Amino acid sequence: MRATVPEPQPGDLIEIFRPLYRHWAIYVGDGYVIHLAPPSEIAGAGVASVMSALTDKAIVKKDRLCDVAGRDLYRVNNKHDGKYPPLPANKIVQQAEELVGQEVLYKLTSDNCEHFVNKLRYGVSRCDQCLVHWPVRATVTCWGGIHQHPLQGSCSAFRIQVIISCVYYTDLRVG
């Protein structure tokens, strides 16, 4: 028997499982989500989201959840409800709708899609993918040889940044 997936409710956080990281959106009802995307991203082009590591701007977009998720799995994940009281759903949706179409600052470690949705739901900008911060050096083996990339942090976003900077990598070791 297949487990039933809870239907998202307006104001819910949606976690989308991309291959190298988690993309986040806020559900606003009728099958739509609001999320951050690079200016050139097409809804559902999950790999294009990885390219957001190369830009410092994002567009607040409203798209169908099925288009944003594409073939990637997703779930409702209001994981901080026990720590922070969520704002009323109508206020979350209203604030999100008011931002649609705006270009906003985007930083992989301090202003990304997870920060964005947590700020809307809880009033707190927070990203669990980027909570661990210590100096890290990544070694990337690619077709051009072995490269050392100093990183400040160990979040999955940094792995994406290293992989993008060395497109034809064959091995990545962080530590």
N, C-alpha and C. Protein backbone atom coordinates (compact mmCIF):
# COMPACT_ATOMS: atom_id res chain seq x y z
N MET A 1 0.85 -1.18 0.00
CA MET A 1 0.00 0.00 0.00
C MET A 1 0.89 1.24 0.00
N ARG A 2 0.59 2.20 -0.87
CA ARG A 2 1.38 3.42 -0.99
C ARG A 2 0.95 4.43 0.07
N ALA A 3 1.94 5.07 0.70
CA ALA A 3 1.62 6.08 1.71
C ALA A 3 1.01 7.30 1.03
N THR A 4 0.04 7.91 1.69
CA THR A 4 -0.56 9.10 1.12
C THR A 4 0.31 10.31 1.45
N VAL A 5 0.46 11.18 0.47
CA VAL A 5 1.23 12.40 0.65
C VAL A 5 0.25 13.50 1.03
N PRO A 6 0.53 14.22 2.12
CA PRO A 6 -0.42 15.27 2.51
C PRO A 6 -0.49 16.36 1.44
N GLU A 7 -1.71 16.82 1.18
CA GLU A 7 -1.92 17.89 0.21
C GLU A 7 -1.39 19.19 0.82
N PRO A 8 -0.54 19.92 0.07
CA PRO A 8 -0.02 21.19 0.63
C PRO A 8 -1.16 22.17 0.91
N GLN A 9 -0.96 22.94 1.94
CA GLN A 9 -1.89 24.00 2.31
C GLN A 9 -1.22 25.35 2.10
N PRO A 10 -1.97 26.39 1.81
CA PRO A 10 -1.35 27.71 1.64
C PRO A 10 -0.46 28.06 2.83
N GLY A 11 0.75 28.53 2.51
CA GLY A 11 1.73 28.88 3.54
C GLY A 11 2.70 27.77 3.87
N ASP A 12 2.46 26.55 3.37
CA ASP A 12 3.38 25.43 3.64
C ASP A 12 4.70 25.61 2.90
N LEU A 13 5.76 25.13 3.53
CA LEU A 13 7.07 25.09 2.87
C LEU A 13 7.15 23.80 2.05
N ILE A 14 7.63 23.93 0.83
CA ILE A 14 7.79 22.78 -0.05
C ILE A 14 9.28 22.57 -0.28
N GLU A 15 9.75 21.39 0.09
CA GLU A 15 11.15 21.00 -0.11
C GLU A 15 11.22 20.13 -1.36
N ILE A 16 12.04 20.54 -2.32
CA ILE A 16 12.18 19.82 -3.58
C ILE A 16 13.57 19.22 -3.61
N PHE A 17 13.65 17.93 -3.83
CA PHE A 17 14.91 17.20 -3.76
C PHE A 17 15.63 17.20 -5.10
N ARG A 18 16.46 18.22 -5.31
CA ARG A 18 17.30 18.29 -6.50
C ARG A 18 18.48 17.33 -6.30
N PRO A 19 19.17 16.95 -7.37
CA PRO A 19 20.26 15.98 -7.24
C PRO A 19 21.38 16.40 -6.26
N LEU A 20 21.74 17.66 -6.18
CA LEU A 20 22.86 18.07 -5.34
C LEU A 20 22.48 18.94 -4.15
N TYR A 21 21.24 19.31 -4.05
CA TYR A 21 20.81 20.23 -2.99
C TYR A 21 19.29 20.18 -2.88
N ARG A 22 18.75 20.97 -1.99
CA ARG A 22 17.30 21.07 -1.82
C ARG A 22 16.85 22.46 -2.29
N HIS A 23 15.84 22.48 -3.14
CA HIS A 23 15.23 23.75 -3.55
C HIS A 23 13.98 23.92 -2.70
N TRP A 24 13.65 25.17 -2.35
CA TRP A 24 12.53 25.44 -1.48
C TRP A 24 11.56 26.42 -2.13
N ALA A 25 10.29 26.22 -1.86
CA ALA A 25 9.23 27.09 -2.36
C ALA A 25 8.16 27.21 -1.29
N ILE A 26 7.28 28.18 -1.45
CA ILE A 26 6.17 28.36 -0.52
C ILE A 26 4.88 28.10 -1.30
N TYR A 27 4.04 27.24 -0.76
CA TYR A 27 2.79 26.90 -1.44
C TYR A 27 1.78 28.01 -1.21
N VAL A 28 1.14 28.48 -2.31
CA VAL A 28 0.19 29.59 -2.18
C VAL A 28 -1.23 29.19 -2.58
N GLY A 29 -1.45 27.94 -2.93
CA GLY A 29 -2.79 27.45 -3.24
C GLY A 29 -3.01 27.19 -4.71
N ASP A 30 -4.03 26.40 -5.00
CA ASP A 30 -4.43 26.07 -6.38
C ASP A 30 -3.29 25.46 -7.20
N GLY A 31 -2.39 24.74 -6.54
CA GLY A 31 -1.30 24.08 -7.26
C GLY A 31 -0.09 24.97 -7.53
N TYR A 32 -0.07 26.19 -7.02
CA TYR A 32 1.02 27.13 -7.29
C TYR A 32 1.94 27.32 -6.09
N VAL A 33 3.22 27.59 -6.40
CA VAL A 33 4.22 27.94 -5.40
C VAL A 33 4.90 29.24 -5.83
N ILE A 34 5.50 29.89 -4.85
CA ILE A 34 6.34 31.05 -5.11
C ILE A 34 7.73 30.68 -4.62
N HIS A 35 8.73 30.99 -5.46
CA HIS A 35 10.09 30.57 -5.16
C HIS A 35 11.08 31.52 -5.80
N LEU A 36 12.35 31.37 -5.44
CA LEU A 36 13.42 32.14 -6.07
C LEU A 36 14.01 31.33 -7.20
N ALA A 37 14.31 32.01 -8.28
CA ALA A 37 14.92 31.34 -9.44
C ALA A 37 15.89 32.31 -10.10
N PRO A 38 16.96 31.77 -10.72
CA PRO A 38 17.84 32.66 -11.46
C PRO A 38 17.04 33.32 -12.58
N PRO A 39 17.41 34.52 -12.99
CA PRO A 39 16.64 35.23 -14.01
C PRO A 39 16.39 34.42 -15.28
N SER A 40 17.28 33.50 -15.62
CA SER A 40 17.14 32.76 -16.87
C SER A 40 16.46 31.41 -16.69
N GLU A 41 16.07 31.03 -15.46
CA GLU A 41 15.54 29.68 -15.24
C GLU A 41 14.16 29.48 -15.82
N ILE A 42 13.98 28.32 -16.40
CA ILE A 42 12.68 27.87 -16.88
C ILE A 42 12.10 26.98 -15.79
N ALA A 43 10.85 27.12 -15.47
CA ALA A 43 10.23 26.29 -14.43
C ALA A 43 10.46 24.82 -14.72
N GLY A 44 10.86 24.08 -13.68
CA GLY A 44 11.06 22.65 -13.82
C GLY A 44 12.45 22.27 -14.30
N ALA A 45 13.26 23.24 -14.68
CA ALA A 45 14.61 22.94 -15.16
C ALA A 45 15.53 22.87 -13.96
N GLY A 46 15.43 21.80 -13.20
CA GLY A 46 16.17 21.66 -11.95
C GLY A 46 17.65 21.90 -12.09
N VAL A 47 18.25 21.42 -13.16
CA VAL A 47 19.68 21.61 -13.35
C VAL A 47 20.00 23.09 -13.51
N ALA A 48 19.10 23.84 -14.12
CA ALA A 48 19.32 25.27 -14.28
C ALA A 48 19.41 25.95 -12.92
N SER A 49 18.72 25.41 -11.92
CA SER A 49 18.79 26.00 -10.59
C SER A 49 20.20 25.95 -10.04
N VAL A 50 20.96 24.94 -10.40
CA VAL A 50 22.34 24.84 -9.95
C VAL A 50 23.12 26.05 -10.44
N MET A 51 22.77 26.56 -11.60
CA MET A 51 23.47 27.71 -12.15
C MET A 51 23.26 28.96 -11.31
N SER A 52 22.28 28.95 -10.41
CA SER A 52 22.04 30.11 -9.56
C SER A 52 23.25 30.38 -8.67
N ALA A 53 24.12 29.39 -8.51
CA ALA A 53 25.32 29.59 -7.71
C ALA A 53 26.24 30.61 -8.35
N LEU A 54 26.05 30.90 -9.63
CA LEU A 54 26.92 31.82 -10.35
C LEU A 54 26.38 33.24 -10.42
N THR A 55 25.21 33.48 -9.86
CA THR A 55 24.60 34.80 -9.97
C THR A 55 24.35 35.39 -8.59
N ASP A 56 24.23 36.71 -8.52
CA ASP A 56 23.92 37.35 -7.25
C ASP A 56 22.52 37.95 -7.25
N LYS A 57 21.72 37.58 -8.24
CA LYS A 57 20.35 38.06 -8.35
C LYS A 57 19.42 36.87 -8.56
N ALA A 58 18.19 37.02 -8.11
CA ALA A 58 17.17 36.01 -8.36
C ALA A 58 15.86 36.74 -8.63
N ILE A 59 14.96 36.05 -9.28
CA ILE A 59 13.63 36.58 -9.54
C ILE A 59 12.65 35.79 -8.68
N VAL A 60 11.73 36.48 -8.05
CA VAL A 60 10.66 35.82 -7.31
C VAL A 60 9.62 35.41 -8.35
N LYS A 61 9.38 34.10 -8.45
CA LYS A 61 8.48 33.58 -9.48
C LYS A 61 7.32 32.82 -8.86
N LYS A 62 6.21 32.84 -9.59
CA LYS A 62 5.04 32.04 -9.22
C LYS A 62 4.84 31.04 -10.35
N ASP A 63 4.94 29.77 -10.02
CA ASP A 63 4.81 28.70 -11.00
C ASP A 63 4.01 27.56 -10.40
N ARG A 64 3.53 26.69 -11.26
CA ARG A 64 2.84 25.49 -10.77
C ARG A 64 3.87 24.60 -10.06
N LEU A 65 3.47 24.04 -8.93
CA LEU A 65 4.35 23.15 -8.18
C LEU A 65 4.86 22.01 -9.05
N CYS A 66 3.99 21.43 -9.84
CA CYS A 66 4.42 20.30 -10.68
C CYS A 66 5.48 20.73 -11.70
N ASP A 67 5.42 21.98 -12.15
CA ASP A 67 6.43 22.47 -13.09
C ASP A 67 7.76 22.76 -12.40
N VAL A 68 7.70 23.33 -11.21
CA VAL A 68 8.93 23.64 -10.47
C VAL A 68 9.62 22.35 -10.05
N ALA A 69 8.86 21.38 -9.56
CA ALA A 69 9.46 20.11 -9.12
C ALA A 69 9.94 19.29 -10.32
N GLY A 70 9.25 19.39 -11.44
CA GLY A 70 9.63 18.56 -12.59
C GLY A 70 9.57 17.10 -12.20
N ARG A 71 10.64 16.39 -12.44
CA ARG A 71 10.70 14.96 -12.10
C ARG A 71 11.26 14.70 -10.70
N ASP A 72 11.65 15.77 -10.01
CA ASP A 72 12.22 15.62 -8.67
C ASP A 72 11.11 15.40 -7.64
N LEU A 73 11.43 14.64 -6.61
CA LEU A 73 10.50 14.42 -5.51
C LEU A 73 10.38 15.69 -4.69
N TYR A 74 9.26 15.86 -4.02
CA TYR A 74 9.06 17.00 -3.14
C TYR A 74 8.18 16.57 -1.97
N ARG A 75 8.18 17.40 -0.94
CA ARG A 75 7.32 17.14 0.21
C ARG A 75 7.02 18.45 0.93
N VAL A 76 5.93 18.44 1.70
CA VAL A 76 5.65 19.54 2.62
C VAL A 76 6.63 19.36 3.78
N ASN A 77 7.34 20.43 4.14
CA ASN A 77 8.30 20.33 5.24
C ASN A 77 8.31 21.63 6.04
N ASN A 78 7.38 21.72 6.96
CA ASN A 78 7.31 22.88 7.87
C ASN A 78 8.13 22.56 9.12
N LYS A 79 9.39 22.26 8.90
CA LYS A 79 10.25 21.67 9.94
C LYS A 79 10.53 22.56 11.14
N HIS A 80 10.29 23.84 11.05
CA HIS A 80 10.59 24.72 12.18
C HIS A 80 9.35 25.17 12.94
N ASP A 81 8.21 24.54 12.65
CA ASP A 81 6.97 24.94 13.34
C ASP A 81 7.08 24.77 14.86
N GLY A 82 7.86 23.81 15.32
CA GLY A 82 8.04 23.61 16.76
C GLY A 82 8.95 24.64 17.40
N LYS A 83 9.78 25.28 16.59
CA LYS A 83 10.74 26.26 17.11
C LYS A 83 10.25 27.70 16.94
N TYR A 84 9.62 27.97 15.79
CA TYR A 84 9.12 29.32 15.49
C TYR A 84 7.63 29.22 15.17
N PRO A 85 6.84 30.13 15.70
CA PRO A 85 5.41 30.10 15.34
C PRO A 85 5.23 30.60 13.90
N PRO A 86 4.54 29.84 13.07
CA PRO A 86 4.32 30.32 11.70
C PRO A 86 3.38 31.52 11.69
N LEU A 87 3.60 32.41 10.75
CA LEU A 87 2.70 33.54 10.57
C LEU A 87 1.37 32.99 10.02
N PRO A 88 0.31 33.75 10.12
CA PRO A 88 -0.97 33.28 9.55
C PRO A 88 -0.81 33.02 8.05
N ALA A 89 -1.46 31.96 7.58
CA ALA A 89 -1.32 31.54 6.18
C ALA A 89 -1.67 32.66 5.20
N ASN A 90 -2.72 33.41 5.50
CA ASN A 90 -3.11 34.48 4.57
C ASN A 90 -2.04 35.57 4.48
N LYS A 91 -1.33 35.83 5.58
CA LYS A 91 -0.26 36.82 5.58
C LYS A 91 0.96 36.30 4.80
N ILE A 92 1.28 35.02 4.98
CA ILE A 92 2.39 34.40 4.24
C ILE A 92 2.14 34.52 2.75
N VAL A 93 0.95 34.12 2.33
CA VAL A 93 0.59 34.14 0.90
C VAL A 93 0.58 35.57 0.37
N GLN A 94 0.01 36.49 1.12
CA GLN A 94 -0.06 37.88 0.68
C GLN A 94 1.35 38.46 0.49
N GLN A 95 2.23 38.24 1.47
CA GLN A 95 3.60 38.76 1.36
C GLN A 95 4.31 38.13 0.17
N ALA A 96 4.14 36.83 -0.03
CA ALA A 96 4.79 36.14 -1.15
C ALA A 96 4.27 36.69 -2.48
N GLU A 97 2.96 36.84 -2.60
CA GLU A 97 2.35 37.34 -3.84
C GLU A 97 2.85 38.75 -4.18
N GLU A 98 3.05 39.57 -3.17
CA GLU A 98 3.52 40.94 -3.39
C GLU A 98 4.94 40.98 -3.94
N LEU A 99 5.70 39.92 -3.73
CA LEU A 99 7.09 39.88 -4.18
C LEU A 99 7.25 39.32 -5.60
N VAL A 100 6.23 38.69 -6.14
CA VAL A 100 6.33 38.05 -7.45
C VAL A 100 6.76 39.07 -8.50
N GLY A 101 7.77 38.66 -9.29
CA GLY A 101 8.29 39.52 -10.35
C GLY A 101 9.45 40.39 -9.93
N GLN A 102 9.68 40.50 -8.64
CA GLN A 102 10.78 41.34 -8.16
C GLN A 102 12.12 40.63 -8.30
N GLU A 103 13.14 41.41 -8.59
CA GLU A 103 14.51 40.90 -8.59
C GLU A 103 15.06 41.15 -7.19
N VAL A 104 15.63 40.11 -6.58
CA VAL A 104 16.15 40.22 -5.22
C VAL A 104 17.60 39.76 -5.17
N LEU A 105 18.29 40.17 -4.12
CA LEU A 105 19.67 39.74 -3.89
C LEU A 105 19.68 38.24 -3.66
N TYR A 106 20.65 37.54 -4.23
CA TYR A 106 20.78 36.10 -4.04
C TYR A 106 22.21 35.79 -3.67
N LYS A 107 22.39 35.15 -2.53
CA LYS A 107 23.70 34.67 -2.10
C LYS A 107 23.51 33.23 -1.66
N LEU A 108 24.38 32.39 -2.13
CA LEU A 108 24.28 30.97 -1.85
C LEU A 108 24.20 30.66 -0.36
N THR A 109 24.91 31.44 0.46
CA THR A 109 25.01 31.11 1.88
C THR A 109 24.20 32.00 2.80
N SER A 110 23.62 33.09 2.31
CA SER A 110 22.89 33.97 3.22
C SER A 110 21.56 34.48 2.68
N ASP A 111 21.32 34.37 1.41
CA ASP A 111 20.07 34.86 0.81
C ASP A 111 19.61 33.90 -0.28
N ASN A 112 19.41 32.64 0.06
CA ASN A 112 19.01 31.67 -0.97
C ASN A 112 17.52 31.32 -0.83
N CYS A 113 17.08 30.32 -1.58
CA CYS A 113 15.65 29.98 -1.60
C CYS A 113 15.14 29.49 -0.24
N GLU A 114 15.98 28.82 0.52
CA GLU A 114 15.55 28.35 1.84
C GLU A 114 15.41 29.52 2.81
N HIS A 115 16.36 30.46 2.78
CA HIS A 115 16.23 31.67 3.59
C HIS A 115 14.92 32.39 3.24
N PHE A 116 14.65 32.50 1.94
CA PHE A 116 13.49 33.22 1.43
C PHE A 116 12.18 32.65 1.99
N VAL A 117 11.98 31.34 1.90
CA VAL A 117 10.71 30.76 2.35
C VAL A 117 10.58 30.77 3.87
N ASN A 118 11.68 30.57 4.58
CA ASN A 118 11.62 30.63 6.04
C ASN A 118 11.28 32.03 6.53
N LYS A 119 11.81 33.04 5.85
CA LYS A 119 11.48 34.43 6.20
C LYS A 119 9.98 34.68 5.99
N LEU A 120 9.43 34.15 4.91
CA LEU A 120 8.00 34.33 4.66
C LEU A 120 7.14 33.60 5.70
N ARG A 121 7.49 32.36 6.03
CA ARG A 121 6.65 31.57 6.94
C ARG A 121 6.82 31.95 8.41
N TYR A 122 8.07 32.18 8.82
CA TYR A 122 8.35 32.39 10.24
C TYR A 122 8.80 33.81 10.59
N GLY A 123 9.15 34.59 9.58
CA GLY A 123 9.74 35.90 9.86
C GLY A 123 11.21 35.79 10.21
N VAL A 124 11.80 34.61 10.00
CA VAL A 124 13.19 34.33 10.34
C VAL A 124 13.90 33.81 9.09
N SER A 125 14.95 34.49 8.67
CA SER A 125 15.73 34.05 7.52
C SER A 125 16.70 32.98 7.99
N ARG A 126 16.54 31.76 7.49
CA ARG A 126 17.32 30.64 7.99
C ARG A 126 17.49 29.59 6.90
N CYS A 127 18.70 28.98 6.87
CA CYS A 127 18.97 27.91 5.91
C CYS A 127 19.74 26.80 6.62
N ASP A 128 19.11 25.65 6.78
CA ASP A 128 19.77 24.53 7.44
C ASP A 128 20.85 23.91 6.57
N GLN A 129 20.76 24.09 5.25
CA GLN A 129 21.80 23.55 4.37
C GLN A 129 23.12 24.29 4.57
N CYS A 130 23.06 25.47 5.16
CA CYS A 130 24.25 26.32 5.30
C CYS A 130 24.58 26.66 6.74
N LEU A 131 24.17 25.82 7.69
CA LEU A 131 24.40 26.15 9.10
C LEU A 131 25.82 25.87 9.57
N VAL A 132 26.50 24.92 8.96
CA VAL A 132 27.84 24.56 9.41
C VAL A 132 28.84 25.42 8.66
N HIS A 133 29.63 26.19 9.41
CA HIS A 133 30.61 27.07 8.78
C HIS A 133 31.98 26.85 9.40
N TRP A 134 32.90 26.36 8.63
CA TRP A 134 34.29 26.29 9.02
C TRP A 134 35.11 26.23 7.75
N PRO A 135 36.40 26.60 7.82
CA PRO A 135 37.19 26.58 6.59
C PRO A 135 37.31 25.17 6.03
N VAL A 136 37.05 25.04 4.78
CA VAL A 136 37.08 23.75 4.10
C VAL A 136 37.86 23.92 2.81
N ARG A 137 38.61 22.92 2.43
CA ARG A 137 39.29 22.93 1.15
C ARG A 137 38.75 21.75 0.36
N ALA A 138 38.34 22.01 -0.85
CA ALA A 138 37.84 20.95 -1.71
C ALA A 138 38.88 20.63 -2.77
N THR A 139 39.07 19.36 -3.02
CA THR A 139 39.93 18.93 -4.09
C THR A 139 39.05 18.38 -5.20
N VAL A 140 39.18 18.94 -6.38
CA VAL A 140 38.38 18.53 -7.51
C VAL A 140 39.30 17.91 -8.55
N THR A 141 39.00 16.69 -8.93
CA THR A 141 39.72 16.04 -10.02
C THR A 141 38.87 16.18 -11.26
N CYS A 142 39.39 16.86 -12.25
CA CYS A 142 38.63 17.06 -13.47
C CYS A 142 39.52 16.74 -14.67
N TRP A 143 38.98 16.91 -15.84
CA TRP A 143 39.73 16.58 -17.04
C TRP A 143 40.98 17.44 -17.18
N GLY A 144 40.97 18.60 -16.55
CA GLY A 144 42.12 19.50 -16.62
C GLY A 144 43.16 19.23 -15.53
N GLY A 145 42.94 18.27 -14.66
CA GLY A 145 43.88 17.97 -13.59
C GLY A 145 43.22 18.11 -12.23
N ILE A 146 44.04 18.24 -11.20
CA ILE A 146 43.55 18.36 -9.82
C ILE A 146 43.64 19.82 -9.40
N HIS A 147 42.56 20.33 -8.82
CA HIS A 147 42.51 21.72 -8.39
C HIS A 147 42.13 21.79 -6.93
N GLN A 148 42.71 22.72 -6.20
CA GLN A 148 42.33 22.99 -4.82
C GLN A 148 41.42 24.22 -4.82
N HIS A 149 40.28 24.12 -4.16
CA HIS A 149 39.36 25.24 -4.06
C HIS A 149 39.11 25.52 -2.58
N PRO A 150 39.60 26.66 -2.04
CA PRO A 150 39.28 26.97 -0.64
C PRO A 150 37.82 27.41 -0.53
N LEU A 151 37.14 26.91 0.48
CA LEU A 151 35.74 27.23 0.70
C LEU A 151 35.55 27.70 2.13
N GLN A 152 34.58 28.54 2.35
CA GLN A 152 34.21 28.93 3.70
C GLN A 152 32.87 28.29 4.02
N GLY A 153 32.90 27.08 4.51
CA GLY A 153 31.68 26.40 4.88
C GLY A 153 31.64 25.00 4.34
N SER A 154 30.65 24.25 4.74
CA SER A 154 30.56 22.87 4.27
C SER A 154 29.17 22.54 3.75
N CYS A 155 28.41 23.55 3.44
CA CYS A 155 27.05 23.28 3.01
C CYS A 155 27.03 22.76 1.58
N SER A 156 25.95 22.09 1.22
CA SER A 156 25.85 21.52 -0.12
C SER A 156 25.96 22.58 -1.19
N ALA A 157 25.60 23.80 -0.86
CA ALA A 157 25.71 24.88 -1.84
C ALA A 157 27.16 25.10 -2.26
N PHE A 158 28.10 24.91 -1.35
CA PHE A 158 29.50 25.08 -1.71
C PHE A 158 29.95 23.98 -2.65
N ARG A 159 29.45 22.76 -2.44
CA ARG A 159 29.80 21.68 -3.35
C ARG A 159 29.32 22.01 -4.76
N ILE A 160 28.15 22.58 -4.85
CA ILE A 160 27.62 22.98 -6.16
C ILE A 160 28.54 24.02 -6.78
N GLN A 161 28.96 25.01 -5.99
CA GLN A 161 29.81 26.08 -6.51
C GLN A 161 31.11 25.51 -7.05
N VAL A 162 31.71 24.58 -6.34
CA VAL A 162 32.96 23.98 -6.80
C VAL A 162 32.73 23.17 -8.06
N ILE A 163 31.67 22.39 -8.08
CA ILE A 163 31.38 21.57 -9.26
C ILE A 163 31.16 22.45 -10.48
N ILE A 164 30.45 23.55 -10.32
CA ILE A 164 30.20 24.44 -11.45
C ILE A 164 31.49 25.09 -11.92
N SER A 165 32.37 25.45 -11.00
CA SER A 165 33.60 26.12 -11.41
C SER A 165 34.54 25.16 -12.13
N CYS A 166 34.30 23.89 -12.01
CA CYS A 166 35.13 22.89 -12.67
C CYS A 166 34.16 21.91 -13.35
N VAL A 167 33.60 22.32 -14.44
CA VAL A 167 32.46 21.65 -15.04
C VAL A 167 32.69 20.17 -15.32
N TYR A 168 33.85 19.80 -15.79
CA TYR A 168 34.08 18.42 -16.18
C TYR A 168 34.81 17.66 -15.08
N TYR A 169 34.25 17.69 -13.87
CA TYR A 169 34.90 17.01 -12.75
C TYR A 169 34.64 15.51 -12.82
N THR A 170 35.56 14.74 -12.26
CA THR A 170 35.38 13.31 -12.16
C THR A 170 35.34 12.87 -10.69
N ASP A 171 35.82 13.72 -9.79
CA ASP A 171 35.84 13.37 -8.37
C ASP A 171 35.86 14.65 -7.56
N LEU A 172 35.16 14.67 -6.44
CA LEU A 172 35.13 15.82 -5.55
C LEU A 172 35.31 15.34 -4.14
N ARG A 173 36.28 15.89 -3.46
CA ARG A 173 36.52 15.54 -2.06
C ARG A 173 36.57 16.82 -1.24
N VAL A 174 35.74 16.86 -0.20
CA VAL A 174 35.72 18.03 0.68
C VAL A 174 36.30 17.62 2.00
N GLY A 175 37.24 18.43 2.49
CA GLY A 175 37.82 18.13 3.78
C GLY A 175 39.27 18.53 3.85
